[in-house]
All heavy atoms as atom14 arrays in JSON, in Angstrom:
{
  "sequence": "TINNLAVVLNNGDVVDFFTEILHNGKTRIGYVRSSDKGETFGPAQ",
  "atom14_mask": [
    [1, 1, 1, 1, 1, 1, 1, 0, 0, 0, 0, 0, 0, 0],
    [1, 1, 1, 1, 1, 1, 1, 1, 0, 0, 0, 0, 0, 0],
    [1, 1, 1, 1, 1, 1, 1, 1, 0, 0, 0, 0, 0, 0],
    [1, 1, 1, 1, 1, 1, 1, 1, 0, 0, 0, 0, 0, 0],
    [1, 1, 1, 1, 1, 1, 1, 1, 0, 0, 0, 0, 0, 0],
    [1, 1, 1, 1, 1, 0, 0, 0, 0, 0, 0, 0, 0, 0],
    [1, 1, 1, 1, 1, 1, 1, 0, 0, 0, 0, 0, 0, 0],
    [1, 1, 1, 1, 1, 1, 1, 0, 0, 0, 0, 0, 0, 0],
    [1, 1, 1, 1, 1, 1, 1, 1, 0, 0, 0, 0, 0, 0],
    [1, 1, 1, 1, 1, 1, 1, 1, 0, 0, 0, 0, 0, 0],
    [1, 1, 1, 1, 1, 1, 1, 1, 0, 0, 0, 0, 0, 0],
    [1, 1, 1, 1, 0, 0, 0, 0, 0, 0, 0, 0, 0, 0],
    [1, 1, 1, 1, 1, 1, 1, 1, 0, 0, 0, 0, 0, 0],
    [1, 1, 1, 1, 1, 1, 1, 0, 0, 0, 0, 0, 0, 0],
    [1, 1, 1, 1, 1, 1, 1, 0, 0, 0, 0, 0, 0, 0],
    [1, 1, 1, 1, 1, 1, 1, 1, 0, 0, 0, 0, 0, 0],
    [1, 1, 1, 1, 1, 1, 1, 1, 1, 1, 1, 0, 0, 0],
    [1, 1, 1, 1, 1, 1, 1, 1, 1, 1, 1, 0, 0, 0],
    [1, 1, 1, 1, 1, 1, 1, 0, 0, 0, 0, 0, 0, 0],
    [1, 1, 1, 1, 1, 1, 1, 1, 1, 0, 0, 0, 0, 0],
    [1, 1, 1, 1, 1, 1, 1, 1, 0, 0, 0, 0, 0, 0],
    [1, 1, 1, 1, 1, 1, 1, 1, 0, 0, 0, 0, 0, 0],
    [1, 1, 1, 1, 1, 1, 1, 1, 1, 1, 0, 0, 0, 0],
    [1, 1, 1, 1, 1, 1, 1, 1, 0, 0, 0, 0, 0, 0],
    [1, 1, 1, 1, 0, 0, 0, 0, 0, 0, 0, 0, 0, 0],
    [1, 1, 1, 1, 1, 1, 1, 1, 1, 0, 0, 0, 0, 0],
    [1, 1, 1, 1, 1, 1, 1, 0, 0, 0, 0, 0, 0, 0],
    [1, 1, 1, 1, 1, 1, 1, 1, 1, 1, 1, 0, 0, 0],
    [1, 1, 1, 1, 1, 1, 1, 1, 0, 0, 0, 0, 0, 0],
    [1, 1, 1, 1, 0, 0, 0, 0, 0, 0, 0, 0, 0, 0],
    [1, 1, 1, 1, 1, 1, 1, 1, 1, 1, 1, 1, 0, 0],
    [1, 1, 1, 1, 1, 1, 1, 0, 0, 0, 0, 0, 0, 0],
    [1, 1, 1, 1, 1, 1, 1, 1, 1, 1, 1, 0, 0, 0],
    [1, 1, 1, 1, 1, 1, 0, 0, 0, 0, 0, 0, 0, 0],
    [1, 1, 1, 1, 1, 1, 0, 0, 0, 0, 0, 0, 0, 0],
    [1, 1, 1, 1, 1, 1, 1, 1, 0, 0, 0, 0, 0, 0],
    [1, 1, 1, 1, 1, 1, 1, 1, 1, 0, 0, 0, 0, 0],
    [1, 1, 1, 1, 0, 0, 0, 0, 0, 0, 0, 0, 0, 0],
    [1, 1, 1, 1, 1, 1, 1, 1, 1, 0, 0, 0, 0, 0],
    [1, 1, 1, 1, 1, 1, 1, 0, 0, 0, 0, 0, 0, 0],
    [1, 1, 1, 1, 1, 1, 1, 1, 1, 1, 1, 0, 0, 0],
    [1, 1, 1, 1, 0, 0, 0, 0, 0, 0, 0, 0, 0, 0],
    [1, 1, 1, 1, 1, 1, 1, 0, 0, 0, 0, 0, 0, 0],
    [1, 1, 1, 1, 1, 0, 0, 0, 0, 0, 0, 0, 0, 0],
    [1, 1, 1, 1, 1, 1, 1, 1, 1, 0, 0, 0, 0, 0]
  ],
  "atom14_positions": [
    [[0.85, -1.17, 0.0], [0.0, 0.0, 0.0], [0.89, 1.23, 0.0], [2.09, 1.17, 0.33], [-0.93, 0.05, 1.22], [-0.16, 0.32, 2.4], [-1.68, -1.26, 1.39], [0.0, 0.0, 0.0], [0.0, 0.0, 0.0], [0.0, 0.0, 0.0], [0.0, 0.0, 0.0], [0.0, 0.0, 0.0], [0.0, 0.0, 0.0], [0.0, 0.0, 0.0]],
    [[0.32, 2.36, -0.38], [0.99, 3.65, -0.29], [-0.1, 4.71, -0.23], [-1.25, 4.46, -0.61], [1.95, 3.89, -1.49], [2.88, 5.08, -1.2], [1.19, 4.07, -2.8], [4.01, 5.24, -2.2], [0.0, 0.0, 0.0], [0.0, 0.0, 0.0], [0.0, 0.0, 0.0], [0.0, 0.0, 0.0], [0.0, 0.0, 0.0], [0.0, 0.0, 0.0]],
    [[0.25, 5.88, 0.3], [-0.68, 7.01, 0.35], [-1.88, 6.69, 1.24], [-3.03, 7.03, 0.92], [-1.16, 7.38, -1.06], [-1.75, 8.78, -1.12], [-1.17, 9.73, -0.65], [-2.92, 8.9, -1.72], [0.0, 0.0, 0.0], [0.0, 0.0, 0.0], [0.0, 0.0, 0.0], [0.0, 0.0, 0.0], [0.0, 0.0, 0.0], [0.0, 0.0, 0.0]],
    [[-1.62, 6.07, 2.38], [-2.69, 5.85, 3.35], [-3.23, 7.19, 3.85], [-2.46, 8.06, 4.27], [-2.17, 5.02, 4.52], [-1.96, 3.58, 4.14], [-2.86, 2.76, 4.26], [-0.76, 3.25, 3.66], [0.0, 0.0, 0.0], [0.0, 0.0, 0.0], [0.0, 0.0, 0.0], [0.0, 0.0, 0.0], [0.0, 0.0, 0.0], [0.0, 0.0, 0.0]],
    [[-4.55, 7.35, 3.81], [-5.22, 8.57, 4.28], [-6.43, 8.16, 5.1], [-7.33, 7.49, 4.58], [-5.67, 9.44, 3.11], [-4.58, 10.01, 2.19], [-5.23, 10.72, 1.0], [-3.7, 10.98, 2.95], [0.0, 0.0, 0.0], [0.0, 0.0, 0.0], [0.0, 0.0, 0.0], [0.0, 0.0, 0.0], [0.0, 0.0, 0.0], [0.0, 0.0, 0.0]],
    [[-6.47, 8.55, 6.35], [-7.6, 8.22, 7.22], [-8.62, 9.35, 7.22], [-8.25, 10.53, 7.25], [-7.11, 7.95, 8.64], [0.0, 0.0, 0.0], [0.0, 0.0, 0.0], [0.0, 0.0, 0.0], [0.0, 0.0, 0.0], [0.0, 0.0, 0.0], [0.0, 0.0, 0.0], [0.0, 0.0, 0.0], [0.0, 0.0, 0.0], [0.0, 0.0, 0.0]],
    [[-9.9, 8.99, 7.15], [-10.99, 9.95, 7.3], [-11.97, 9.4, 8.32], [-12.01, 8.2, 8.59], [-11.7, 10.21, 5.96], [-10.76, 10.85, 4.95], [-12.3, 8.93, 5.38], [0.0, 0.0, 0.0], [0.0, 0.0, 0.0], [0.0, 0.0, 0.0], [0.0, 0.0, 0.0], [0.0, 0.0, 0.0], [0.0, 0.0, 0.0], [0.0, 0.0, 0.0]],
    [[-12.76, 10.31, 8.89], [-13.8, 9.92, 9.84], [-15.14, 10.25, 9.2], [-15.41, 11.41, 8.84], [-13.64, 10.66, 11.18], [-14.74, 10.22, 12.16], [-12.26, 10.38, 11.77], [0.0, 0.0, 0.0], [0.0, 0.0, 0.0], [0.0, 0.0, 0.0], [0.0, 0.0, 0.0], [0.0, 0.0, 0.0], [0.0, 0.0, 0.0], [0.0, 0.0, 0.0]],
    [[-15.98, 9.24, 9.04], [-17.28, 9.42, 8.43], [-18.27, 10.02, 9.44], [-18.02, 10.07, 10.64], [-17.81, 8.09, 7.91], [-16.89, 7.32, 6.94], [-17.6, 6.08, 6.41], [-16.43, 8.2, 5.79], [0.0, 0.0, 0.0], [0.0, 0.0, 0.0], [0.0, 0.0, 0.0], [0.0, 0.0, 0.0], [0.0, 0.0, 0.0], [0.0, 0.0, 0.0]],
    [[-19.41, 10.45, 8.93], [-20.41, 11.07, 9.81], [-20.97, 10.11, 10.84], [-21.46, 10.53, 11.89], [-21.54, 11.66, 8.97], [-21.12, 12.92, 8.23], [-19.92, 13.21, 8.12], [-22.08, 13.66, 7.7], [0.0, 0.0, 0.0], [0.0, 0.0, 0.0], [0.0, 0.0, 0.0], [0.0, 0.0, 0.0], [0.0, 0.0, 0.0], [0.0, 0.0, 0.0]],
    [[-20.91, 8.8, 10.55], [-21.39, 7.82, 11.52], [-20.33, 7.45, 12.55], [-20.55, 6.57, 13.38], [-21.9, 6.57, 10.82], [-20.8, 5.82, 10.06], [-19.63, 6.2, 10.1], [-21.18, 4.75, 9.36], [0.0, 0.0, 0.0], [0.0, 0.0, 0.0], [0.0, 0.0, 0.0], [0.0, 0.0, 0.0], [0.0, 0.0, 0.0], [0.0, 0.0, 0.0]],
    [[-19.16, 8.1, 12.47], [-18.08, 7.85, 13.43], [-17.06, 6.84, 12.98], [-16.0, 6.7, 13.63], [0.0, 0.0, 0.0], [0.0, 0.0, 0.0], [0.0, 0.0, 0.0], [0.0, 0.0, 0.0], [0.0, 0.0, 0.0], [0.0, 0.0, 0.0], [0.0, 0.0, 0.0], [0.0, 0.0, 0.0], [0.0, 0.0, 0.0], [0.0, 0.0, 0.0]],
    [[-17.33, 6.1, 11.91], [-16.35, 5.11, 11.43], [-15.05, 5.79, 11.01], [-15.07, 6.85, 10.37], [-16.9, 4.35, 10.23], [-17.97, 3.34, 10.61], [-18.26, 3.21, 11.81], [-18.54, 2.72, 9.7], [0.0, 0.0, 0.0], [0.0, 0.0, 0.0], [0.0, 0.0, 0.0], [0.0, 0.0, 0.0], [0.0, 0.0, 0.0], [0.0, 0.0, 0.0]],
    [[-13.94, 5.18, 11.36], [-12.62, 5.6, 10.88], [-12.27, 4.72, 9.69], [-12.23, 3.5, 9.81], [-11.55, 5.46, 11.98], [-10.18, 5.89, 11.46], [-11.94, 6.29, 13.21], [0.0, 0.0, 0.0], [0.0, 0.0, 0.0], [0.0, 0.0, 0.0], [0.0, 0.0, 0.0], [0.0, 0.0, 0.0], [0.0, 0.0, 0.0], [0.0, 0.0, 0.0]],
    [[-12.03, 5.35, 8.54], [-11.76, 4.61, 7.31], [-10.39, 5.03, 6.8], [-10.14, 6.22, 6.58], [-12.84, 4.85, 6.24], [-12.54, 4.03, 5.0], [-14.21, 4.53, 6.79], [0.0, 0.0, 0.0], [0.0, 0.0, 0.0], [0.0, 0.0, 0.0], [0.0, 0.0, 0.0], [0.0, 0.0, 0.0], [0.0, 0.0, 0.0], [0.0, 0.0, 0.0]],
    [[-9.51, 4.05, 6.62], [-8.19, 4.3, 6.04], [-8.23, 3.9, 4.57], [-8.38, 2.73, 4.24], [-7.1, 3.52, 6.76], [-5.76, 3.69, 6.08], [-5.37, 4.85, 5.83], [-5.11, 2.68, 5.76], [0.0, 0.0, 0.0], [0.0, 0.0, 0.0], [0.0, 0.0, 0.0], [0.0, 0.0, 0.0], [0.0, 0.0, 0.0], [0.0, 0.0, 0.0]],
    [[-8.08, 4.9, 3.69], [-7.97, 4.66, 2.26], [-6.5, 4.52, 1.88], [-5.63, 5.13, 2.51], [-8.61, 5.8, 1.46], [-10.1, 5.82, 1.52], [-10.77, 6.5, 2.53], [-10.86, 5.16, 0.55], [-12.15, 6.53, 2.57], [-12.24, 5.18, 0.59], [-12.9, 5.86, 1.6], [0.0, 0.0, 0.0], [0.0, 0.0, 0.0], [0.0, 0.0, 0.0]],
    [[-6.22, 3.76, 0.83], [-4.84, 3.57, 0.39], [-4.81, 3.16, -1.08], [-5.78, 2.59, -1.6], [-4.12, 2.5, 1.23], [-4.93, 1.25, 1.43], [-5.05, 0.28, 0.44], [-5.6, 1.03, 2.64], [-5.8, -0.86, 0.63], [-6.37, -0.1, 2.84], [-6.47, -1.06, 1.84], [0.0, 0.0, 0.0], [0.0, 0.0, 0.0], [0.0, 0.0, 0.0]],
    [[-3.71, 3.48, -1.73], [-3.41, 2.87, -3.02], [-2.81, 1.5, -2.75], [-1.92, 1.35, -1.91], [-2.41, 3.7, -3.83], [-2.95, 5.01, -4.06], [-2.11, 3.05, -5.17], [0.0, 0.0, 0.0], [0.0, 0.0, 0.0], [0.0, 0.0, 0.0], [0.0, 0.0, 0.0], [0.0, 0.0, 0.0], [0.0, 0.0, 0.0], [0.0, 0.0, 0.0]],
    [[-3.32, 0.49, -3.46], [-2.81, -0.87, -3.32], [-2.21, -1.3, -4.65], [-2.9, -1.31, -5.67], [-3.94, -1.81, -2.9], [-3.47, -3.19, -2.49], [-4.6, -3.99, -1.86], [-5.69, -4.05, -2.44], [-4.38, -4.56, -0.77], [0.0, 0.0, 0.0], [0.0, 0.0, 0.0], [0.0, 0.0, 0.0], [0.0, 0.0, 0.0], [0.0, 0.0, 0.0]],
    [[-0.92, -1.61, -4.63], [-0.22, -2.11, -5.82], [-0.03, -3.61, -5.63], [0.72, -4.03, -4.75], [1.13, -1.4, -6.01], [0.93, 0.12, -6.07], [1.82, -1.89, -7.28], [2.23, 0.9, -6.1], [0.0, 0.0, 0.0], [0.0, 0.0, 0.0], [0.0, 0.0, 0.0], [0.0, 0.0, 0.0], [0.0, 0.0, 0.0], [0.0, 0.0, 0.0]],
    [[-0.73, -4.4, -6.43], [-0.72, -5.84, -6.26], [0.44, -6.49, -7.0], [1.1, -5.87, -7.83], [-2.04, -6.43, -6.75], [-3.3, -5.9, -6.04], [-4.54, -6.52, -6.62], [-3.21, -6.14, -4.55], [0.0, 0.0, 0.0], [0.0, 0.0, 0.0], [0.0, 0.0, 0.0], [0.0, 0.0, 0.0], [0.0, 0.0, 0.0], [0.0, 0.0, 0.0]],
    [[0.68, -7.76, -6.7], [1.83, -8.46, -7.26], [1.71, -8.64, -8.77], [2.71, -8.89, -9.45], [1.99, -9.83, -6.59], [0.92, -10.81, -6.95], [-0.28, -10.87, -6.28], [0.86, -11.75, -7.91], [-1.03, -11.81, -6.82], [-0.37, -12.37, -7.81], [0.0, 0.0, 0.0], [0.0, 0.0, 0.0], [0.0, 0.0, 0.0], [0.0, 0.0, 0.0]],
    [[0.49, -8.5, -9.32], [0.31, -8.64, -10.77], [0.3, -7.3, -11.49], [-0.01, -7.23, -12.69], [-0.99, -9.39, -11.06], [-2.21, -8.7, -10.48], [-2.13, -7.59, -9.97], [-3.35, -9.37, -10.56], [0.0, 0.0, 0.0], [0.0, 0.0, 0.0], [0.0, 0.0, 0.0], [0.0, 0.0, 0.0], [0.0, 0.0, 0.0], [0.0, 0.0, 0.0]],
    [[0.62, -6.21, -10.79], [0.67, -4.9, -11.39], [-0.64, -4.14, -11.34], [-0.68, -2.96, -11.7], [0.0, 0.0, 0.0], [0.0, 0.0, 0.0], [0.0, 0.0, 0.0], [0.0, 0.0, 0.0], [0.0, 0.0, 0.0], [0.0, 0.0, 0.0], [0.0, 0.0, 0.0], [0.0, 0.0, 0.0], [0.0, 0.0, 0.0], [0.0, 0.0, 0.0]],
    [[-1.71, -4.77, -10.89], [-2.98, -4.07, -10.78], [-2.91, -3.04, -9.66], [-2.33, -3.29, -8.6], [-4.1, -5.07, -10.49], [-5.49, -4.47, -10.53], [-6.56, -5.55, -10.36], [-7.97, -4.95, -10.47], [-9.01, -6.0, -10.36], [0.0, 0.0, 0.0], [0.0, 0.0, 0.0], [0.0, 0.0, 0.0], [0.0, 0.0, 0.0], [0.0, 0.0, 0.0]],
    [[-3.49, -1.87, -9.91], [-3.44, -0.78, -8.94], [-4.85, -0.29, -8.67], [-5.62, -0.07, -9.6], [-2.57, 0.38, -9.48], [-1.3, -0.13, -9.86], [-2.36, 1.44, -8.42], [0.0, 0.0, 0.0], [0.0, 0.0, 0.0], [0.0, 0.0, 0.0], [0.0, 0.0, 0.0], [0.0, 0.0, 0.0], [0.0, 0.0, 0.0], [0.0, 0.0, 0.0]],
    [[-5.18, -0.12, -7.39], [-6.54, 0.26, -7.03], [-6.53, 1.05, -5.74], [-5.55, 1.04, -4.98], [-7.41, -0.98, -6.89], [-6.94, -1.95, -5.8], [-7.59, -3.31, -5.96], [-7.29, -4.2, -4.84], [-7.6, -5.5, -4.82], [-8.22, -6.05, -5.85], [-7.32, -6.25, -3.77], [0.0, 0.0, 0.0], [0.0, 0.0, 0.0], [0.0, 0.0, 0.0]],
    [[-7.63, 1.75, -5.5], [-7.83, 2.44, -4.23], [-8.71, 1.55, -3.35], [-9.84, 1.21, -3.73], [-8.48, 3.82, -4.42], [-7.61, 4.7, -5.31], [-8.71, 4.49, -3.06], [-8.24, 6.03, -5.67], [0.0, 0.0, 0.0], [0.0, 0.0, 0.0], [0.0, 0.0, 0.0], [0.0, 0.0, 0.0], [0.0, 0.0, 0.0], [0.0, 0.0, 0.0]],
    [[-8.16, 1.14, -2.23], [-8.89, 0.3, -1.29], [-9.04, 0.99, 0.05], [-8.57, 2.12, 0.25], [0.0, 0.0, 0.0], [0.0, 0.0, 0.0], [0.0, 0.0, 0.0], [0.0, 0.0, 0.0], [0.0, 0.0, 0.0], [0.0, 0.0, 0.0], [0.0, 0.0, 0.0], [0.0, 0.0, 0.0], [0.0, 0.0, 0.0], [0.0, 0.0, 0.0]],
    [[-9.67, 0.29, 0.99], [-9.84, 0.87, 2.32], [-10.14, -0.22, 3.34], [-10.61, -1.31, 2.99], [-10.95, 1.91, 2.33], [-12.32, 1.4, 1.96], [-13.23, 0.99, 2.93], [-12.73, 1.33, 0.63], [-14.49, 0.52, 2.61], [-13.99, 0.86, 0.28], [-14.86, 0.45, 1.27], [-16.11, -0.03, 0.94], [0.0, 0.0, 0.0], [0.0, 0.0, 0.0]],
    [[-9.84, 0.1, 4.59], [-10.26, -0.71, 5.73], [-11.02, 0.19, 6.68], [-10.76, 1.4, 6.76], [-9.07, -1.39, 6.43], [-8.46, -2.48, 5.56], [-8.0, -0.37, 6.84], [0.0, 0.0, 0.0], [0.0, 0.0, 0.0], [0.0, 0.0, 0.0], [0.0, 0.0, 0.0], [0.0, 0.0, 0.0], [0.0, 0.0, 0.0], [0.0, 0.0, 0.0]],
    [[-11.95, -0.4, 7.41], [-12.88, 0.38, 8.22], [-12.83, -0.06, 9.68], [-12.73, -1.25, 9.99], [-14.3, 0.2, 7.69], [-15.37, 1.01, 8.38], [-16.76, 0.56, 7.94], [-16.92, 0.58, 6.5], [-17.39, 1.61, 5.81], [-17.74, 2.71, 6.44], [-17.51, 1.53, 4.49], [0.0, 0.0, 0.0], [0.0, 0.0, 0.0], [0.0, 0.0, 0.0]],
    [[-12.92, 0.93, 10.57], [-13.03, 0.67, 12.0], [-14.29, 1.32, 12.53], [-14.55, 2.5, 12.27], [-11.81, 1.23, 12.76], [-12.0, 1.14, 14.17], [0.0, 0.0, 0.0], [0.0, 0.0, 0.0], [0.0, 0.0, 0.0], [0.0, 0.0, 0.0], [0.0, 0.0, 0.0], [0.0, 0.0, 0.0], [0.0, 0.0, 0.0], [0.0, 0.0, 0.0]],
    [[-15.08, 0.56, 13.29], [-16.29, 1.11, 13.92], [-16.09, 1.38, 15.4], [-17.07, 1.69, 16.1], [-17.46, 0.14, 13.71], [-17.74, -0.02, 12.33], [0.0, 0.0, 0.0], [0.0, 0.0, 0.0], [0.0, 0.0, 0.0], [0.0, 0.0, 0.0], [0.0, 0.0, 0.0], [0.0, 0.0, 0.0], [0.0, 0.0, 0.0], [0.0, 0.0, 0.0]],
    [[-14.83, 1.28, 15.87], [-14.55, 1.51, 17.28], [-13.36, 2.44, 17.47], [-12.5, 2.22, 18.31], [-14.34, 0.18, 18.01], [-13.31, -0.72, 17.34], [-12.55, -0.21, 16.48], [-13.28, -1.92, 17.64], [0.0, 0.0, 0.0], [0.0, 0.0, 0.0], [0.0, 0.0, 0.0], [0.0, 0.0, 0.0], [0.0, 0.0, 0.0], [0.0, 0.0, 0.0]],
    [[-13.31, 3.49, 16.62], [-12.3, 4.54, 16.72], [-10.87, 4.02, 16.61], [-9.95, 4.52, 17.24], [-12.46, 5.34, 18.02], [-13.71, 6.21, 18.06], [-13.75, 7.07, 19.29], [-14.94, 8.02, 19.29], [-14.85, 9.06, 18.25], [0.0, 0.0, 0.0], [0.0, 0.0, 0.0], [0.0, 0.0, 0.0], [0.0, 0.0, 0.0], [0.0, 0.0, 0.0]],
    [[-10.68, 2.98, 15.79], [-9.34, 2.49, 15.52], [-8.88, 1.36, 16.42], [-7.74, 0.92, 16.29], [0.0, 0.0, 0.0], [0.0, 0.0, 0.0], [0.0, 0.0, 0.0], [0.0, 0.0, 0.0], [0.0, 0.0, 0.0], [0.0, 0.0, 0.0], [0.0, 0.0, 0.0], [0.0, 0.0, 0.0], [0.0, 0.0, 0.0], [0.0, 0.0, 0.0]],
    [[-9.73, 0.88, 17.29], [-9.35, -0.26, 18.13], [-9.16, -1.51, 17.27], [-8.19, -2.25, 17.43], [-10.44, -0.51, 19.19], [-10.16, -1.67, 20.12], [-9.0, -1.41, 21.07], [-8.73, -0.23, 21.36], [-8.38, -2.4, 21.51], [0.0, 0.0, 0.0], [0.0, 0.0, 0.0], [0.0, 0.0, 0.0], [0.0, 0.0, 0.0], [0.0, 0.0, 0.0]],
    [[-10.08, -1.73, 16.33], [-9.97, -2.85, 15.4], [-10.39, -2.38, 14.01], [-11.15, -1.42, 13.86], [-10.88, -4.02, 15.83], [-12.24, -3.57, 15.86], [-10.48, -4.56, 17.19], [0.0, 0.0, 0.0], [0.0, 0.0, 0.0], [0.0, 0.0, 0.0], [0.0, 0.0, 0.0], [0.0, 0.0, 0.0], [0.0, 0.0, 0.0], [0.0, 0.0, 0.0]],
    [[-9.91, -3.09, 12.99], [-10.27, -2.79, 11.6], [-10.76, -4.07, 10.93], [-10.27, -5.16, 11.2], [-9.07, -2.24, 10.83], [-8.78, -0.8, 11.13], [-8.0, -0.44, 12.22], [-9.28, 0.2, 10.31], [-7.72, 0.89, 12.5], [-9.02, 1.53, 10.58], [-8.24, 1.88, 11.68], [0.0, 0.0, 0.0], [0.0, 0.0, 0.0], [0.0, 0.0, 0.0]],
    [[-11.7, -3.9, 10.02], [-12.22, -5.02, 9.27], [-11.38, -5.32, 8.04], [-10.32, -4.74, 7.82], [0.0, 0.0, 0.0], [0.0, 0.0, 0.0], [0.0, 0.0, 0.0], [0.0, 0.0, 0.0], [0.0, 0.0, 0.0], [0.0, 0.0, 0.0], [0.0, 0.0, 0.0], [0.0, 0.0, 0.0], [0.0, 0.0, 0.0], [0.0, 0.0, 0.0]],
    [[-11.85, -6.26, 7.2], [-11.1, -6.65, 6.01], [-11.08, -5.54, 4.97], [-11.94, -4.66, 4.95], [-11.86, -7.88, 5.5], [-13.25, -7.69, 6.03], [-13.11, -7.01, 7.36], [0.0, 0.0, 0.0], [0.0, 0.0, 0.0], [0.0, 0.0, 0.0], [0.0, 0.0, 0.0], [0.0, 0.0, 0.0], [0.0, 0.0, 0.0], [0.0, 0.0, 0.0]],
    [[-10.12, -5.63, 4.07], [-9.97, -4.61, 3.03], [-11.09, -4.71, 2.01], [-11.56, -5.81, 1.67], [-8.62, -4.75, 2.34], [0.0, 0.0, 0.0], [0.0, 0.0, 0.0], [0.0, 0.0, 0.0], [0.0, 0.0, 0.0], [0.0, 0.0, 0.0], [0.0, 0.0, 0.0], [0.0, 0.0, 0.0], [0.0, 0.0, 0.0], [0.0, 0.0, 0.0]],
    [[-11.53, -3.55, 1.52], [-12.52, -3.45, 0.46], [-11.91, -2.62, -0.68], [-10.96, -1.87, -0.48], [-13.79, -2.76, 0.98], [-14.38, -3.4, 2.21], [-14.99, -4.76, 1.93], [-15.59, -4.97, 0.88], [-14.83, -5.68, 2.87], [0.0, 0.0, 0.0], [0.0, 0.0, 0.0], [0.0, 0.0, 0.0], [0.0, 0.0, 0.0], [0.0, 0.0, 0.0]]
  ]
}
């Protein structure tokens, strides 16, 4: 990943967005989400 940027949504979720460069050269903007102010994060989307 590169260019991780965290934002806080209106519902309080903390979402970290990032550029993801995969092993096959595919590049995408992904994110992981926390519903407990960063205590835990869910799987990448």
